[in-house]
Amino acid sequence: MNFNIIEFAKETLQLVQNQNHGSILTILFIGIVFGVIIQWTRVDTFDKIAGFAMLKGFKVPKMLFFGIGLASIGLYFMIKMGWAHYHIKPIILGGLILGGTIFAIGMAILGLCPGTGPVAVSEGNIDVTVGMIGGIIAGALFTYLYPELKNIMGPDLGKITLTQLMGDNADWFIFVYGIALMAIAFLLPNKEIEEEVGEV
């Protein structure tokens, strides 16, 4: 197979630009806000993620539950008002299981996820930098080989959403679901392990 990495990169960037995610300035602003929140809460450290995994620290799940709950309500009703739109991926069980397993292994090794990883890299975290480079290469390889891999990932079950399954009760379901997740965030204990600071 002939593979031109320059042409592949151009096609990938063009594909992303055509998905109407907003202007570069809007995306940059959202990225800066996200980075500031991650940096301020220090969830870009191995200690916070490891604390969550060992049930000794709850800052990460508190942020996740609250963020997902608030975003679920906000995004759903923004879409209903025509201010946003879904970009739903199909349910391919084999791919989800395999991808989830690889993701879990990578997160266990690095101690960070693709969201907090770039913030750690900006702080000079070398091991996460190596992991990110590997992730970018693996992602590019997966994209390139996707036509061949698609056949071994299982049947495509379609773009199913919970709101479709709820039918006429979708509005109430999303509202109760979001409130429940935010309530869990407040009910989790304010327990945290101390962050280890390396010697300079």
Foldseek 3Di string as FASTA:
>chain_A
DDDDVVVLVVVVVVVVVVPPPDDPVVVVVVLVVLLVVCVVLVLLDLQQLVCVVVVQACPVLLCVLLVVLVCLLVVVVCVVVVNDDDDFDWDQPQCVVVVVVVQVVLCVVVSDHPSSLVSVVVVVDVVSVVVVVVVVVVVSVCVVCVVVCVVVRHDTPGRDDVLVVCDPCSNVVSNVSSVVSNVVSVVRDRGGDDDDDDDD
